[in-house]
Amino acid sequence: MNFIKKNYEIFIVNFIFLGFIVITLLAQFGVHIKVEKRVELIPVKMEYRNSTRYIKLEYEDDPQESFWAPAFAVFGRASEYEIKGMIYDGDSIKRNVFINTNSHKVIGVTQSGRSILSLYYYNSQMFRYGILILIIGDIFIVMVKAIHNKKSKQTIDTSKYRYAPEDKRALELHEIIFQLREFWGLNFIIILICSMMGIIYSFALVALYSTEVITEIGLGIGIVILCIIFVMIPLGIITLIRKKAKKKDEKDKIIKNANTYLSNVGEDFLEQLQADLNKGLPFMKKHNLVISDRYIIGSLAGASLNPMVFDPIAIPKEQIREIAYVYYTWGTLRYRFIVQDVYFRLKNGKEIVLPVKDRHNIGLTLKALEDCRVPIIDITQEKKK
């Protein structure tokens, strides 16, 4: 059960993928299937359909009855030379023939397998390659998650997060605010939806091509449409949103929040903040927190799929009395959530809460905040009650 909780996204993708394959197989072969075992057949002709080799077979006891079947299903991995030799010699072969009892048509042939799964495997590229792709995809996802978990457990040196670019324009306030915006949720939703739709579209395209409903030209046009709709358009949307977010001016919000929480906010607050940023940043973790020599910059807004939902604040270190933090996990069968909040308790009695997105390593943020030289306390149990 714990394994399912931790890997629910893999199970969801597999369920959708397998469901699509099952629907395709039912549409191709139907549900009313019987098998005639060890039938004497004579291969009489071979041809290619959309790069797939097909064999025409006749019943030995009834030459008038004939049908076409994929060469792989009839002869396995036999070479074209071997197959042509059998056709030329007029040799008969014994194969299992699957028939749709509703239409009384042959829907597949196997060399030895007599089960429905063997019918699917030898006579359906969708089943044979789809399952292989799914297994490879699962292995890839498991490897990525294992690498991520391994990295998350490593001790991270905060010096890696120093930010002192040669181009001082990268230290301008609007650039720093852009680095703090969270695009992961939006990108994930767009890519997930487009990927799922793209996979369904791709398999539908392959199914149409394999059944000769469309030609090679149609397949090429379909691939172009696939690239435009499910690749270029989503990338364009993501790029436009990022450009809009980069140009958005948040100075008014910073001043408003400063007047709400801080003491002694002068008219030159933004000028002093920018002058401090120009010195370089001892710590900058994208989409999370920025620490300069004199200020801590973050967002009051919680997690959101919209990167434009951002409420920035710059807290002078000299106004912080103590720092408290909350870190715990909770979850359901399908979801697992990590709660990470840092409470900056000010000398004027007010409190500022900044959500943190360190995931499995809140120690990174806490270590970076040690230079504030104020007490840091754990209030997790207090907040969970």
Protein backbone atom coordinates (compact mmCIF):
# COMPACT_ATOMS: atom_id res chain seq x y z
CA MET A 1 0.00 0.00 0.00
CA ASN A 2 2.83 2.43 0.81
CA PHE A 3 4.44 1.61 -2.52
CA ILE A 4 1.20 2.59 -4.30
CA LYS A 5 0.99 5.85 -2.34
CA LYS A 6 4.54 6.82 -3.29
CA ASN A 7 4.14 5.86 -6.95
CA TYR A 8 0.49 6.64 -7.65
CA GLU A 9 1.33 8.72 -10.74
CA ILE A 10 2.96 5.65 -12.37
CA PHE A 11 -0.15 3.57 -11.69
CA ILE A 12 -2.41 6.28 -13.15
CA VAL A 13 -0.35 6.54 -16.36
CA ASN A 14 -0.26 2.73 -16.68
CA PHE A 15 -4.02 2.48 -16.13
CA ILE A 16 -4.77 5.08 -18.83
CA PHE A 17 -2.24 3.58 -21.24
CA LEU A 18 -3.46 0.00 -20.77
CA GLY A 19 -7.08 1.12 -21.03
CA PHE A 20 -6.37 2.68 -24.41
CA ILE A 21 -4.64 -0.51 -25.61
CA VAL A 22 -7.58 -2.66 -24.44
CA ILE A 23 -10.10 -0.45 -26.26
CA THR A 24 -8.00 -0.62 -29.43
CA LEU A 25 -7.73 -4.42 -29.23
CA LEU A 26 -11.47 -4.86 -28.69
CA ALA A 27 -12.15 -2.62 -31.68
CA GLN A 28 -9.70 -4.60 -33.84
CA PHE A 29 -10.52 -8.19 -32.85
CA GLY A 30 -13.91 -8.01 -31.14
CA VAL A 31 -14.94 -10.13 -28.16
CA HIS A 32 -16.50 -13.20 -29.84
CA ILE A 33 -13.40 -15.23 -30.68
CA LYS A 34 -12.82 -18.92 -31.24
CA VAL A 35 -9.63 -20.75 -32.23
CA GLU A 36 -9.29 -23.59 -34.76
CA LYS A 37 -6.20 -25.54 -33.74
CA ARG A 38 -3.52 -26.92 -36.07
CA VAL A 39 -5.20 -26.00 -39.35
CA GLU A 40 -3.41 -26.97 -42.61
CA LEU A 41 -2.66 -23.76 -44.52
CA ILE A 42 -0.77 -23.01 -47.74
CA PRO A 43 1.07 -19.67 -48.18
CA VAL A 44 0.44 -18.42 -51.73
CA LYS A 45 1.45 -14.77 -51.84
CA MET A 46 3.45 -12.12 -49.99
CA GLU A 47 3.20 -8.34 -50.10
CA TYR A 48 4.00 -5.23 -48.05
CA ARG A 49 1.44 -2.89 -46.59
CA ASN A 50 2.81 0.30 -45.05
CA SER A 51 6.20 -1.38 -44.50
CA THR A 52 4.54 -4.39 -42.83
CA ARG A 53 4.91 -7.82 -44.47
CA TYR A 54 1.67 -9.76 -45.03
CA ILE A 55 1.12 -13.34 -46.18
CA LYS A 56 -1.91 -14.65 -48.08
CA LEU A 57 -2.95 -18.09 -46.83
CA GLU A 58 -5.35 -20.69 -48.25
CA TYR A 59 -6.97 -23.62 -46.48
CA GLU A 60 -5.46 -26.83 -47.85
CA ASP A 61 -8.82 -28.59 -47.93
CA ASP A 62 -10.62 -25.55 -49.36
CA PRO A 63 -8.43 -23.40 -51.69
CA GLN A 64 -11.32 -21.02 -52.27
CA GLU A 65 -11.08 -19.85 -48.67
CA SER A 66 -8.16 -17.45 -48.19
CA PHE A 67 -7.13 -14.59 -45.93
CA TRP A 68 -4.22 -12.28 -45.22
CA ALA A 69 -2.19 -12.32 -41.98
CA PRO A 70 0.93 -10.54 -40.70
CA ALA A 71 4.05 -12.50 -41.67
CA PHE A 72 5.36 -12.26 -38.11
CA ALA A 73 2.27 -14.07 -36.83
CA VAL A 74 2.62 -16.84 -39.44
CA PHE A 75 6.39 -17.35 -39.69
CA GLY A 76 7.86 -15.49 -36.73
CA ARG A 77 11.28 -14.08 -37.60
CA ALA A 78 11.79 -16.12 -40.77
CA SER A 79 13.59 -14.26 -43.55
CA GLU A 80 11.96 -13.09 -46.74
CA TYR A 81 14.06 -15.62 -48.69
CA GLU A 82 12.76 -18.52 -46.56
CA ILE A 83 9.15 -17.39 -46.93
CA LYS A 84 9.42 -17.05 -50.70
CA GLY A 85 10.93 -20.56 -50.83
CA MET A 86 7.90 -21.99 -49.00
CA ILE A 87 5.52 -20.16 -51.31
CA TYR A 88 7.38 -21.41 -54.39
CA ASP A 89 7.42 -25.01 -53.13
CA GLY A 90 3.75 -24.88 -52.15
CA ASP A 91 4.49 -26.32 -48.70
CA SER A 92 1.66 -26.49 -46.20
CA ILE A 93 1.97 -25.33 -42.60
CA LYS A 94 -0.04 -26.00 -39.46
CA ARG A 95 -1.20 -22.91 -37.61
CA ASN A 96 -3.82 -21.89 -35.06
CA VAL A 97 -6.49 -19.77 -36.73
CA PHE A 98 -8.60 -17.29 -34.73
CA ILE A 99 -12.06 -16.47 -36.03
CA ASN A 100 -14.60 -13.81 -35.09
CA THR A 101 -17.77 -15.86 -34.60
CA ASN A 102 -20.01 -12.86 -35.38
CA SER A 103 -18.52 -12.04 -38.78
CA HIS A 104 -17.03 -15.51 -39.45
CA LYS A 105 -13.81 -13.85 -40.59
CA VAL A 106 -10.25 -14.80 -39.74
CA ILE A 107 -8.83 -12.16 -37.39
CA GLY A 108 -5.42 -13.67 -36.63
CA VAL A 109 -3.00 -16.58 -36.83
CA THR A 110 -0.39 -17.92 -34.42
CA GLN A 111 2.33 -20.53 -34.74
CA SER A 112 1.83 -22.23 -31.38
CA GLY A 113 -0.05 -19.97 -28.95
CA ARG A 114 -3.73 -20.71 -28.50
CA SER A 115 -4.69 -18.01 -26.02
CA ILE A 116 -6.24 -14.59 -26.61
CA LEU A 117 -3.00 -12.95 -25.42
CA SER A 118 -0.99 -14.83 -28.05
CA LEU A 119 -3.48 -13.63 -30.68
CA TYR A 120 -2.94 -10.04 -29.53
CA TYR A 121 0.84 -10.36 -29.33
CA TYR A 122 1.41 -11.85 -32.79
CA ASN A 123 -1.28 -9.97 -34.68
CA SER A 124 -1.32 -6.50 -33.09
CA GLN A 125 1.56 -4.05 -33.21
CA MET A 126 -0.36 -1.87 -30.77
CA PHE A 127 -0.23 -4.60 -28.14
CA ARG A 128 3.31 -5.82 -28.84
CA TYR A 129 5.04 -2.42 -29.01
CA GLY A 130 2.66 -0.60 -26.67
CA ILE A 131 3.45 -2.90 -23.75
CA LEU A 132 7.18 -2.60 -24.49
CA ILE A 133 6.98 1.20 -24.57
CA LEU A 134 5.01 1.18 -21.32
CA ILE A 135 7.61 -1.00 -19.57
CA ILE A 136 10.47 1.19 -20.82
CA GLY A 137 8.58 4.29 -19.68
CA ASP A 138 8.01 2.80 -16.21
CA ILE A 139 11.70 1.93 -15.89
CA PHE A 140 12.66 5.47 -16.91
CA ILE A 141 10.27 7.06 -14.38
CA VAL A 142 11.53 4.78 -11.58
CA MET A 143 15.14 5.68 -12.42
CA VAL A 144 14.36 9.41 -12.41
CA LYS A 145 12.58 9.14 -9.05
CA ALA A 146 15.45 7.10 -7.57
CA ILE A 147 17.99 9.71 -8.69
CA HIS A 148 15.81 12.50 -7.29
CA ASN A 149 15.40 10.76 -3.92
CA LYS A 150 19.13 10.12 -3.72
CA LYS A 151 19.92 13.77 -4.39
CA SER A 152 17.31 14.94 -1.88
CA LYS A 153 19.01 12.96 0.90
CA GLN A 154 22.44 14.45 0.24
CA THR A 155 23.82 17.21 2.44
CA ILE A 156 23.75 20.38 0.35
CA ASP A 157 26.44 23.02 0.69
CA THR A 158 24.83 26.49 0.75
CA SER A 159 27.89 27.97 -0.95
CA LYS A 160 26.57 26.43 -4.16
CA TYR A 161 23.72 28.92 -4.00
CA ARG A 162 25.84 32.06 -4.01
CA TYR A 163 24.79 34.34 -6.84
CA ALA A 164 27.18 37.02 -8.08
CA PRO A 165 26.82 37.32 -11.87
CA GLU A 166 29.16 39.51 -13.87
CA ASP A 167 26.20 41.15 -15.58
CA LYS A 168 24.78 43.40 -12.86
CA ARG A 169 21.48 43.64 -14.72
CA ALA A 170 20.79 40.09 -13.53
CA LEU A 171 20.72 41.49 -9.97
CA GLU A 172 17.99 44.04 -10.68
CA LEU A 173 14.95 43.62 -8.46
CA HIS A 174 12.54 42.56 -11.23
CA GLU A 175 15.03 39.87 -12.35
CA ILE A 176 15.32 38.51 -8.81
CA ILE A 177 11.53 38.47 -8.43
CA PHE A 178 11.26 36.54 -11.71
CA GLN A 179 13.70 33.92 -10.38
CA LEU A 180 11.45 33.46 -7.34
CA ARG A 181 8.32 32.75 -9.36
CA GLU A 182 7.24 29.11 -9.47
CA PHE A 183 6.51 27.79 -12.97
CA TRP A 184 6.78 24.08 -12.16
CA GLY A 185 3.09 23.49 -11.44
CA LEU A 186 1.88 25.28 -14.57
CA ASN A 187 4.47 23.58 -16.79
CA PHE A 188 3.63 20.18 -15.30
CA ILE A 189 -0.12 20.54 -15.93
CA ILE A 190 0.36 21.76 -19.51
CA ILE A 191 2.95 19.08 -20.35
CA LEU A 192 0.96 16.29 -18.64
CA ILE A 193 -2.27 17.09 -20.49
CA CYS A 194 -0.49 17.52 -23.82
CA SER A 195 1.56 14.34 -23.32
CA MET A 196 -1.50 12.24 -22.53
CA MET A 197 -3.42 13.65 -25.49
CA GLY A 198 -0.34 13.25 -27.69
CA ILE A 199 0.08 9.58 -26.71
CA ILE A 200 -3.57 8.83 -27.46
CA TYR A 201 -3.32 10.68 -30.76
CA SER A 202 -0.09 8.85 -31.67
CA PHE A 203 -1.54 5.41 -31.04
CA ALA A 204 -4.70 6.31 -32.94
CA LEU A 205 -2.49 7.45 -35.83
CA VAL A 206 -0.46 4.21 -35.74
CA ALA A 207 -3.65 2.15 -35.59
CA LEU A 208 -5.10 3.94 -38.62
CA TYR A 209 -1.85 3.52 -40.53
CA SER A 210 -1.45 -0.18 -39.64
CA THR A 211 -5.02 -0.90 -40.78
CA GLU A 212 -4.43 1.06 -44.03
CA VAL A 213 -7.11 3.65 -43.28
CA ILE A 214 -4.52 6.35 -44.03
CA THR A 215 -1.52 6.34 -46.38
CA GLU A 216 2.10 7.30 -45.70
CA ILE A 217 1.29 10.86 -46.75
CA GLY A 218 -1.57 10.92 -44.25
CA LEU A 219 0.75 9.57 -41.58
CA GLY A 220 3.27 12.33 -42.33
CA ILE A 221 0.57 15.00 -42.13
CA GLY A 222 -0.62 13.49 -38.86
CA ILE A 223 2.89 13.66 -37.39
CA VAL A 224 3.19 17.34 -38.40
CA ILE A 225 -0.17 18.06 -36.75
CA LEU A 226 0.99 16.15 -33.66
CA CYS A 227 4.14 18.31 -33.40
CA ILE A 228 2.20 21.54 -33.86
CA ILE A 229 -0.70 20.86 -31.51
CA PHE A 230 1.00 18.89 -28.74
CA VAL A 231 4.55 20.32 -28.85
CA MET A 232 4.83 23.76 -30.45
CA ILE A 233 1.61 25.28 -29.07
CA PRO A 234 2.27 24.23 -25.41
CA LEU A 235 5.87 25.50 -25.64
CA GLY A 236 4.55 28.76 -27.09
CA ILE A 237 2.06 29.16 -24.24
CA ILE A 238 4.75 28.51 -21.62
CA THR A 239 7.11 31.00 -23.31
CA LEU A 240 4.45 33.73 -23.45
CA ILE A 241 3.55 33.28 -19.78
CA ARG A 242 7.24 33.50 -18.78
CA LYS A 243 7.71 36.70 -20.80
CA LYS A 244 4.64 38.27 -19.25
CA ALA A 245 5.81 37.31 -15.75
CA LYS A 246 9.28 38.73 -16.39
CA LYS A 247 7.89 42.11 -17.38
CA LYS A 248 5.50 42.40 -14.45
CA ASP A 249 6.45 45.16 -12.00
CA GLU A 250 6.01 44.15 -8.34
CA LYS A 251 7.51 47.27 -6.71
CA ASP A 252 4.14 48.56 -5.50
CA LYS A 253 3.44 45.22 -3.76
CA ILE A 254 6.84 45.28 -2.08
CA ILE A 255 6.23 48.78 -0.70
CA LYS A 256 2.68 47.85 0.40
CA ASN A 257 3.88 44.75 2.27
CA ALA A 258 6.78 46.67 3.79
CA ASN A 259 4.39 49.28 5.21
CA THR A 260 2.11 46.50 6.49
CA TYR A 261 4.73 44.50 8.40
CA LEU A 262 7.93 46.50 8.88
CA SER A 263 9.02 49.43 10.97
CA ASN A 264 10.81 52.54 9.73
CA VAL A 265 10.03 52.12 6.06
CA GLY A 266 11.59 55.15 4.38
CA GLU A 267 10.93 56.60 0.95
CA ASP A 268 14.26 55.18 -0.22
CA PHE A 269 13.37 51.60 0.78
CA LEU A 270 13.55 50.28 -2.80
CA GLU A 271 16.79 52.17 -3.50
CA GLN A 272 18.45 50.67 -0.41
CA LEU A 273 17.16 47.22 -1.36
CA GLN A 274 18.53 47.50 -4.91
CA ALA A 275 21.88 48.79 -3.65
CA ASP A 276 22.15 45.72 -1.40
CA LEU A 277 21.24 43.36 -4.24
CA ASN A 278 23.97 44.89 -6.40
CA LYS A 279 26.59 43.52 -3.99
CA GLY A 280 25.63 39.94 -4.91
CA LEU A 281 23.60 37.33 -3.08
CA PRO A 282 25.03 34.94 -0.46
CA PHE A 283 22.03 32.68 -1.11
CA MET A 284 19.50 32.42 -3.90
CA LYS A 285 17.36 29.32 -4.39
CA LYS A 286 15.12 29.72 -7.39
CA HIS A 287 11.37 29.56 -6.76
CA ASN A 288 12.08 29.69 -3.03
CA LEU A 289 14.09 32.31 -1.13
CA VAL A 290 16.69 35.03 -1.68
CA ILE A 291 19.08 36.24 1.01
CA SER A 292 21.25 39.32 0.48
CA ASP A 293 23.60 40.95 2.99
CA ARG A 294 20.79 42.92 4.64
CA TYR A 295 17.49 41.48 3.37
CA ILE A 296 15.49 38.27 3.03
CA ILE A 297 13.20 38.22 -0.01
CA GLY A 298 10.35 35.77 -0.53
CA SER A 299 6.64 35.52 -1.31
CA LEU A 300 3.74 35.66 1.13
CA ALA A 301 1.59 33.70 -1.34
CA GLY A 302 1.37 29.94 -0.97
CA ALA A 303 1.74 27.30 -3.67
CA SER A 304 -0.21 28.05 -6.84
CA LEU A 305 -0.39 26.72 -10.38
CA ASN A 306 -0.37 30.34 -11.56
CA PRO A 307 3.14 31.88 -11.46
CA MET A 308 1.58 35.34 -11.65
CA VAL A 309 0.17 34.81 -8.14
CA PHE A 310 3.11 36.29 -6.29
CA ASP A 311 3.18 38.51 -3.21
CA PRO A 312 6.80 39.62 -2.64
CA ILE A 313 8.27 41.02 0.54
CA ALA A 314 11.78 42.10 1.53
CA ILE A 315 12.54 41.70 5.26
CA PRO A 316 15.51 43.61 6.75
CA LYS A 317 17.55 41.18 8.86
CA GLU A 318 18.01 43.73 11.67
CA GLN A 319 14.25 43.74 12.29
CA ILE A 320 14.04 39.95 12.92
CA ARG A 321 13.75 38.82 16.54
CA GLU A 322 13.61 35.06 15.93
CA ILE A 323 12.87 32.53 13.20
CA ALA A 324 10.45 29.61 13.70
CA TYR A 325 9.79 26.85 11.22
CA VAL A 326 7.27 24.09 10.49
CA TYR A 327 8.13 20.91 8.61
CA TYR A 328 5.96 17.80 8.32
CA THR A 329 4.39 15.51 5.73
CA TRP A 330 0.86 14.22 5.37
CA GLY A 331 -0.89 12.27 2.67
CA THR A 332 -3.76 10.22 1.37
CA LEU A 333 -3.84 7.11 -0.77
CA ARG A 334 -3.16 9.15 -3.90
CA TYR A 335 -1.29 12.23 -2.70
CA ARG A 336 1.59 13.07 -0.41
CA PHE A 337 2.09 16.65 0.77
CA ILE A 338 5.04 18.35 2.45
CA VAL A 339 4.36 21.40 4.60
CA GLN A 340 7.30 23.78 4.99
CA ASP A 341 6.78 27.25 6.41
CA VAL A 342 9.21 29.73 7.93
CA TYR A 343 7.89 32.30 10.46
CA PHE A 344 9.89 35.51 10.75
CA ARG A 345 8.98 37.04 14.12
CA LEU A 346 9.87 40.71 14.08
CA LYS A 347 10.97 43.01 16.86
CA ASN A 348 7.80 45.08 16.39
CA GLY A 349 5.70 42.05 17.39
CA LYS A 350 4.46 41.17 13.90
CA GLU A 351 5.01 37.85 12.15
CA ILE A 352 5.68 37.11 8.47
CA VAL A 353 5.10 33.61 7.10
CA LEU A 354 6.94 32.51 3.97
CA PRO A 355 6.21 29.13 2.38
CA VAL A 356 9.36 27.15 1.59
CA LYS A 357 9.75 24.62 -1.24
CA ASP A 358 12.84 22.65 -0.22
CA ARG A 359 10.78 19.44 -0.37
CA HIS A 360 12.81 16.85 1.54
CA ASN A 361 15.54 19.15 2.86
CA ILE A 362 14.36 22.18 4.80
CA GLY A 363 17.79 22.18 6.42
CA LEU A 364 19.08 24.03 3.35
CA THR A 365 16.97 27.08 4.10
CA LEU A 366 17.62 26.93 7.85
CA LYS A 367 21.36 26.77 7.31
CA ALA A 368 21.22 29.76 4.98
CA LEU A 369 19.24 31.72 7.60
CA GLU A 370 21.86 31.17 10.29
CA ASP A 371 23.66 34.33 9.20
CA CYS A 372 20.74 36.35 10.61
CA ARG A 373 22.24 35.48 14.02
CA VAL A 374 18.85 35.09 15.71
CA PRO A 375 17.33 32.04 17.45
CA ILE A 376 15.83 29.41 15.12
CA ILE A 377 13.16 27.21 16.72
CA ASP A 378 11.00 24.27 15.61
CA ILE A 379 7.24 24.85 16.12
CA THR A 380 6.03 21.91 14.03
CA GLN A 381 4.15 20.15 16.85
CA GLU A 382 2.53 23.40 17.91
CA LYS A 383 1.17 24.12 14.42
CA LYS A 384 0.03 20.52 13.74
CA LYS A 385 -2.33 20.51 16.74
